[in-house]
Amino acid sequence: MHKSRALFAASLLFLLSLVLPGIAHAHAVLQKSDPAANGVVHAGVVPVLLIYNSRVDAAHSSLSLLKDGKSQSLVIDAKAAPNVLHSQTPALTPGHYILHWQAVASDGHMSRGEIAFEVK
């Protein structure tokens, strides 16, 4: 009876090792951003670059910029690398901004987040 439990446990661990990596990589995880979280940039047009750990579907992802309660959508560059969302802002004036992002991984799973930054 003891051997059958050990075999069952080993089989279960093996099956979990096959399933869990797929779950762990199901969402696009933001690895780096420009502007950086809580960063400071100069006034004017600001390039936006978000780098993820996996491919993202730029056509179904979105970026928007929030300042003083007003939100503005940003156009995503469809020609960027497969793990990147790239855009640029209109000319920004000094103040606090929040970049909201929604990335759809190539397998259809969605991730969301925000990046606060300041313009001087």
N, C-alpha and C. Protein backbone atom coordinates (compact mmCIF):
# COMPACT_ATOMS: atom_id res chain seq x y z
N MET A 1 0.81 -1.19 0.00
CA MET A 1 0.00 0.00 0.00
C MET A 1 0.86 1.26 0.00
N HIS A 2 1.98 1.24 0.71
CA HIS A 2 2.88 2.39 0.80
C HIS A 2 3.48 2.73 -0.57
N LYS A 3 3.82 1.71 -1.35
CA LYS A 3 4.39 1.95 -2.68
C LYS A 3 3.37 2.58 -3.61
N SER A 4 2.10 2.21 -3.49
CA SER A 4 1.08 2.78 -4.36
C SER A 4 0.87 4.27 -4.06
N ARG A 5 0.98 4.67 -2.79
CA ARG A 5 0.87 6.09 -2.44
C ARG A 5 2.05 6.87 -3.00
N ALA A 6 3.23 6.31 -2.89
CA ALA A 6 4.42 6.98 -3.42
C ALA A 6 4.32 7.12 -4.93
N LEU A 7 3.83 6.09 -5.60
CA LEU A 7 3.66 6.14 -7.06
C LEU A 7 2.61 7.18 -7.43
N PHE A 8 1.52 7.22 -6.67
CA PHE A 8 0.47 8.22 -6.91
C PHE A 8 1.03 9.64 -6.73
N ALA A 9 1.77 9.88 -5.66
CA ALA A 9 2.35 11.20 -5.40
C ALA A 9 3.32 11.59 -6.49
N ALA A 10 4.15 10.66 -6.92
CA ALA A 10 5.11 10.95 -7.99
C ALA A 10 4.39 11.27 -9.29
N SER A 11 3.33 10.52 -9.58
CA SER A 11 2.54 10.78 -10.80
C SER A 11 1.88 12.14 -10.74
N LEU A 12 1.34 12.49 -9.57
CA LEU A 12 0.70 13.77 -9.41
C LEU A 12 1.69 14.92 -9.59
N LEU A 13 2.86 14.79 -9.00
CA LEU A 13 3.90 15.82 -9.16
C LEU A 13 4.32 15.96 -10.61
N PHE A 14 4.43 14.85 -11.30
CA PHE A 14 4.80 14.89 -12.72
C PHE A 14 3.73 15.63 -13.53
N LEU A 15 2.46 15.33 -13.29
CA LEU A 15 1.39 15.99 -14.02
C LEU A 15 1.35 17.49 -13.70
N LEU A 16 1.55 17.85 -12.45
CA LEU A 16 1.58 19.27 -12.08
C LEU A 16 2.73 20.00 -12.75
N SER A 17 3.87 19.32 -12.88
CA SER A 17 5.03 19.96 -13.53
C SER A 17 4.75 20.24 -15.00
N LEU A 18 3.87 19.45 -15.60
CA LEU A 18 3.51 19.68 -17.00
C LEU A 18 2.50 20.81 -17.13
N VAL A 19 1.59 20.94 -16.17
CA VAL A 19 0.51 21.90 -16.25
C VAL A 19 0.91 23.28 -15.74
N LEU A 20 1.62 23.37 -14.64
CA LEU A 20 1.92 24.66 -14.01
C LEU A 20 2.75 25.62 -14.85
N PRO A 21 3.75 25.17 -15.59
CA PRO A 21 4.48 26.15 -16.41
C PRO A 21 3.58 26.86 -17.41
N GLY A 22 2.61 26.17 -17.97
CA GLY A 22 1.68 26.79 -18.89
C GLY A 22 0.82 27.84 -18.21
N ILE A 23 0.42 27.57 -16.96
CA ILE A 23 -0.36 28.53 -16.22
C ILE A 23 0.50 29.74 -15.86
N ALA A 24 1.71 29.51 -15.46
CA ALA A 24 2.58 30.60 -15.04
C ALA A 24 2.88 31.57 -16.18
N HIS A 25 2.90 31.09 -17.41
CA HIS A 25 3.22 31.94 -18.55
C HIS A 25 1.99 32.36 -19.33
N ALA A 26 0.80 32.18 -18.74
CA ALA A 26 -0.43 32.50 -19.44
C ALA A 26 -0.69 34.00 -19.52
N HIS A 27 -0.10 34.79 -18.63
CA HIS A 27 -0.30 36.22 -18.63
C HIS A 27 1.00 36.93 -18.99
N ALA A 28 0.85 38.01 -19.73
CA ALA A 28 2.01 38.83 -20.06
C ALA A 28 2.38 39.65 -18.82
N VAL A 29 3.58 39.48 -18.32
CA VAL A 29 4.05 40.18 -17.13
C VAL A 29 4.98 41.31 -17.56
N LEU A 30 4.67 42.51 -17.10
CA LEU A 30 5.50 43.67 -17.44
C LEU A 30 6.86 43.53 -16.77
N GLN A 31 7.92 43.60 -17.58
CA GLN A 31 9.28 43.49 -17.06
C GLN A 31 9.98 44.83 -16.94
N LYS A 32 9.66 45.75 -17.86
CA LYS A 32 10.34 47.05 -17.87
C LYS A 32 9.44 48.07 -18.53
N SER A 33 9.53 49.30 -18.07
CA SER A 33 8.73 50.36 -18.69
C SER A 33 9.54 51.64 -18.82
N ASP A 34 9.19 52.39 -19.84
CA ASP A 34 9.74 53.72 -20.03
C ASP A 34 8.56 54.58 -20.48
N PRO A 35 8.09 55.53 -19.69
CA PRO A 35 8.70 55.98 -18.45
C PRO A 35 8.62 54.91 -17.36
N ALA A 36 9.57 54.98 -16.45
CA ALA A 36 9.62 54.04 -15.33
C ALA A 36 8.57 54.42 -14.29
N ALA A 37 8.12 53.42 -13.52
CA ALA A 37 7.18 53.68 -12.43
C ALA A 37 7.79 54.70 -11.48
N ASN A 38 7.02 55.74 -11.17
CA ASN A 38 7.44 56.83 -10.29
C ASN A 38 8.63 57.61 -10.83
N GLY A 39 8.85 57.51 -12.14
CA GLY A 39 9.94 58.23 -12.78
C GLY A 39 9.57 59.67 -13.09
N VAL A 40 10.56 60.40 -13.54
CA VAL A 40 10.38 61.80 -13.92
C VAL A 40 10.89 61.95 -15.35
N VAL A 41 10.06 62.59 -16.20
CA VAL A 41 10.45 62.85 -17.59
C VAL A 41 10.28 64.34 -17.87
N HIS A 42 10.88 64.78 -18.97
CA HIS A 42 10.77 66.18 -19.37
C HIS A 42 9.48 66.41 -20.13
N ALA A 43 8.97 67.63 -20.04
CA ALA A 43 7.76 68.01 -20.76
C ALA A 43 7.96 67.83 -22.26
N GLY A 44 6.88 67.61 -22.96
CA GLY A 44 6.93 67.40 -24.41
C GLY A 44 6.42 66.01 -24.75
N VAL A 45 6.70 65.60 -25.96
CA VAL A 45 6.30 64.26 -26.42
C VAL A 45 7.16 63.23 -25.68
N VAL A 46 6.51 62.24 -25.09
CA VAL A 46 7.21 61.23 -24.31
C VAL A 46 7.02 59.87 -24.97
N PRO A 47 8.12 59.19 -25.34
CA PRO A 47 7.98 57.84 -25.87
C PRO A 47 7.54 56.89 -24.76
N VAL A 48 6.70 55.93 -25.11
CA VAL A 48 6.21 54.92 -24.17
C VAL A 48 6.68 53.56 -24.67
N LEU A 49 7.34 52.83 -23.80
CA LEU A 49 7.86 51.51 -24.15
C LEU A 49 7.60 50.55 -22.99
N LEU A 50 6.79 49.55 -23.22
CA LEU A 50 6.49 48.53 -22.22
C LEU A 50 6.99 47.19 -22.73
N ILE A 51 7.83 46.54 -21.95
CA ILE A 51 8.42 45.26 -22.35
C ILE A 51 7.87 44.16 -21.45
N TYR A 52 7.38 43.09 -22.06
CA TYR A 52 6.74 41.98 -21.34
C TYR A 52 7.59 40.71 -21.44
N ASN A 53 7.25 39.74 -20.61
CA ASN A 53 7.98 38.47 -20.58
C ASN A 53 7.53 37.52 -21.69
N SER A 54 6.51 37.88 -22.43
CA SER A 54 6.00 37.01 -23.50
C SER A 54 5.41 37.88 -24.61
N ARG A 55 5.04 37.23 -25.68
CA ARG A 55 4.42 37.94 -26.80
C ARG A 55 3.10 38.57 -26.37
N VAL A 56 2.83 39.74 -26.91
CA VAL A 56 1.54 40.39 -26.66
C VAL A 56 0.88 40.70 -27.99
N ASP A 57 -0.43 40.72 -27.97
CA ASP A 57 -1.22 41.02 -29.15
C ASP A 57 -1.52 42.52 -29.14
N ALA A 58 -0.71 43.28 -29.85
CA ALA A 58 -0.83 44.74 -29.83
C ALA A 58 -2.19 45.20 -30.32
N ALA A 59 -2.77 44.49 -31.26
CA ALA A 59 -4.06 44.89 -31.82
C ALA A 59 -5.19 44.82 -30.79
N HIS A 60 -5.05 43.97 -29.79
CA HIS A 60 -6.09 43.82 -28.77
C HIS A 60 -5.67 44.36 -27.41
N SER A 61 -4.51 44.99 -27.34
CA SER A 61 -4.02 45.61 -26.11
C SER A 61 -4.36 47.10 -26.16
N SER A 62 -4.21 47.79 -25.01
CA SER A 62 -4.52 49.22 -25.02
C SER A 62 -3.63 49.97 -24.03
N LEU A 63 -3.45 51.25 -24.33
CA LEU A 63 -2.71 52.18 -23.47
C LEU A 63 -3.54 53.45 -23.37
N SER A 64 -3.62 53.99 -22.16
CA SER A 64 -4.29 55.28 -21.99
C SER A 64 -3.56 56.08 -20.93
N LEU A 65 -3.65 57.38 -21.06
CA LEU A 65 -2.94 58.30 -20.18
C LEU A 65 -3.97 59.10 -19.40
N LEU A 66 -3.78 59.17 -18.08
CA LEU A 66 -4.71 59.86 -17.20
C LEU A 66 -4.00 61.02 -16.50
N LYS A 67 -4.63 62.20 -16.58
CA LYS A 67 -4.14 63.38 -15.84
C LYS A 67 -5.35 64.20 -15.43
N ASP A 68 -5.39 64.56 -14.16
CA ASP A 68 -6.48 65.39 -13.62
C ASP A 68 -7.86 64.83 -13.96
N GLY A 69 -8.00 63.52 -13.88
CA GLY A 69 -9.29 62.89 -14.12
C GLY A 69 -9.68 62.73 -15.57
N LYS A 70 -8.82 63.17 -16.49
CA LYS A 70 -9.12 63.05 -17.92
C LYS A 70 -8.25 61.97 -18.53
N SER A 71 -8.87 61.08 -19.29
CA SER A 71 -8.17 59.95 -19.91
C SER A 71 -8.06 60.16 -21.41
N GLN A 72 -6.91 59.79 -21.95
CA GLN A 72 -6.68 59.88 -23.39
C GLN A 72 -6.05 58.59 -23.87
N SER A 73 -6.64 57.98 -24.88
CA SER A 73 -6.09 56.75 -25.46
C SER A 73 -4.84 57.06 -26.26
N LEU A 74 -3.88 56.13 -26.21
CA LEU A 74 -2.66 56.26 -27.01
C LEU A 74 -2.68 55.21 -28.11
N VAL A 75 -2.13 55.56 -29.26
CA VAL A 75 -2.06 54.64 -30.39
C VAL A 75 -0.84 53.75 -30.22
N ILE A 76 -1.04 52.44 -30.31
CA ILE A 76 0.05 51.47 -30.16
C ILE A 76 0.67 51.19 -31.52
N ASP A 77 1.99 51.22 -31.57
CA ASP A 77 2.74 50.92 -32.79
C ASP A 77 2.67 49.42 -33.07
N ALA A 78 1.99 49.05 -34.14
CA ALA A 78 1.81 47.63 -34.47
C ALA A 78 3.09 46.97 -34.97
N LYS A 79 4.11 47.77 -35.31
CA LYS A 79 5.35 47.22 -35.87
C LYS A 79 6.42 46.96 -34.81
N ALA A 80 6.08 47.14 -33.53
CA ALA A 80 7.06 46.92 -32.45
C ALA A 80 7.36 45.43 -32.31
N ALA A 81 8.39 45.12 -31.55
CA ALA A 81 8.76 43.72 -31.28
C ALA A 81 7.56 42.99 -30.66
N PRO A 82 7.50 41.66 -30.80
CA PRO A 82 6.32 40.92 -30.34
C PRO A 82 6.07 40.96 -28.84
N ASN A 83 7.07 41.30 -28.04
CA ASN A 83 6.86 41.36 -26.59
C ASN A 83 6.83 42.81 -26.08
N VAL A 84 6.56 43.75 -26.99
CA VAL A 84 6.63 45.18 -26.66
C VAL A 84 5.34 45.89 -27.06
N LEU A 85 4.90 46.80 -26.18
CA LEU A 85 3.89 47.79 -26.56
C LEU A 85 4.62 49.12 -26.63
N HIS A 86 4.55 49.76 -27.79
CA HIS A 86 5.28 51.01 -28.03
C HIS A 86 4.28 52.07 -28.50
N SER A 87 4.44 53.27 -27.97
CA SER A 87 3.59 54.38 -28.36
C SER A 87 4.33 55.68 -28.04
N GLN A 88 3.66 56.78 -28.19
CA GLN A 88 4.18 58.05 -27.72
C GLN A 88 3.00 58.91 -27.30
N THR A 89 3.27 59.80 -26.37
CA THR A 89 2.22 60.68 -25.87
C THR A 89 2.14 61.92 -26.75
N PRO A 90 1.05 62.64 -26.64
CA PRO A 90 1.07 64.00 -27.20
C PRO A 90 2.00 64.84 -26.32
N ALA A 91 2.21 66.08 -26.65
CA ALA A 91 3.07 66.95 -25.83
C ALA A 91 2.47 67.08 -24.43
N LEU A 92 3.26 66.67 -23.43
CA LEU A 92 2.79 66.71 -22.05
C LEU A 92 3.31 67.95 -21.35
N THR A 93 2.47 68.49 -20.49
CA THR A 93 2.84 69.63 -19.65
C THR A 93 3.20 69.10 -18.26
N PRO A 94 3.88 69.90 -17.45
CA PRO A 94 4.25 69.43 -16.11
C PRO A 94 3.03 68.96 -15.30
N GLY A 95 3.27 67.92 -14.52
CA GLY A 95 2.21 67.38 -13.68
C GLY A 95 2.39 65.89 -13.43
N HIS A 96 1.42 65.31 -12.75
CA HIS A 96 1.44 63.88 -12.44
C HIS A 96 0.53 63.14 -13.43
N TYR A 97 1.03 62.05 -13.96
CA TYR A 97 0.31 61.26 -14.95
C TYR A 97 0.27 59.79 -14.51
N ILE A 98 -0.74 59.10 -15.02
CA ILE A 98 -0.82 57.64 -14.82
C ILE A 98 -1.04 57.01 -16.19
N LEU A 99 -0.17 56.10 -16.54
CA LEU A 99 -0.30 55.34 -17.77
C LEU A 99 -1.00 54.02 -17.43
N HIS A 100 -2.19 53.82 -17.96
CA HIS A 100 -2.92 52.57 -17.77
C HIS A 100 -2.62 51.67 -18.97
N TRP A 101 -2.28 50.41 -18.69
CA TRP A 101 -2.01 49.47 -19.78
C TRP A 101 -2.85 48.22 -19.61
N GLN A 102 -3.21 47.66 -20.73
CA GLN A 102 -3.92 46.39 -20.78
C GLN A 102 -3.27 45.59 -21.90
N ALA A 103 -2.62 44.50 -21.54
CA ALA A 103 -1.91 43.68 -22.52
C ALA A 103 -2.58 42.33 -22.66
N VAL A 104 -2.82 41.95 -23.89
CA VAL A 104 -3.40 40.64 -24.17
C VAL A 104 -2.27 39.75 -24.67
N ALA A 105 -2.00 38.68 -23.92
CA ALA A 105 -0.96 37.74 -24.31
C ALA A 105 -1.40 37.01 -25.58
N SER A 106 -0.45 36.43 -26.27
CA SER A 106 -0.77 35.76 -27.53
C SER A 106 -1.74 34.59 -27.34
N ASP A 107 -1.86 34.08 -26.10
CA ASP A 107 -2.81 33.00 -25.86
C ASP A 107 -4.18 33.53 -25.42
N GLY A 108 -4.35 34.86 -25.40
CA GLY A 108 -5.65 35.45 -25.09
C GLY A 108 -5.82 35.91 -23.65
N HIS A 109 -4.92 35.59 -22.75
CA HIS A 109 -5.04 36.03 -21.37
C HIS A 109 -4.68 37.51 -21.26
N MET A 110 -5.44 38.23 -20.42
CA MET A 110 -5.27 39.67 -20.29
C MET A 110 -4.59 40.02 -18.96
N SER A 111 -3.69 41.00 -19.01
CA SER A 111 -3.06 41.57 -17.82
C SER A 111 -3.30 43.07 -17.84
N ARG A 112 -3.39 43.66 -16.67
CA ARG A 112 -3.61 45.10 -16.56
C ARG A 112 -2.68 45.69 -15.52
N GLY A 113 -2.40 46.97 -15.67
CA GLY A 113 -1.62 47.65 -14.66
C GLY A 113 -1.56 49.14 -14.94
N GLU A 114 -0.82 49.83 -14.10
CA GLU A 114 -0.67 51.27 -14.29
C GLU A 114 0.72 51.68 -13.84
N ILE A 115 1.18 52.76 -14.45
CA ILE A 115 2.50 53.31 -14.16
C ILE A 115 2.34 54.80 -13.91
N ALA A 116 2.62 55.20 -12.68
CA ALA A 116 2.55 56.63 -12.34
C ALA A 116 3.92 57.25 -12.63
N PHE A 117 3.89 58.46 -13.18
CA PHE A 117 5.13 59.18 -13.43
C PHE A 117 4.86 60.67 -13.39
N GLU A 118 5.91 61.44 -13.35
CA GLU A 118 5.79 62.88 -13.27
C GLU A 118 6.49 63.53 -14.46
N VAL A 119 5.89 64.60 -14.93
CA VAL A 119 6.49 65.40 -16.01
C VAL A 119 6.92 66.73 -15.39
N LYS A 120 8.19 67.08 -15.65
CA LYS A 120 8.74 68.35 -15.13
C LYS A 120 9.00 69.29 -16.28
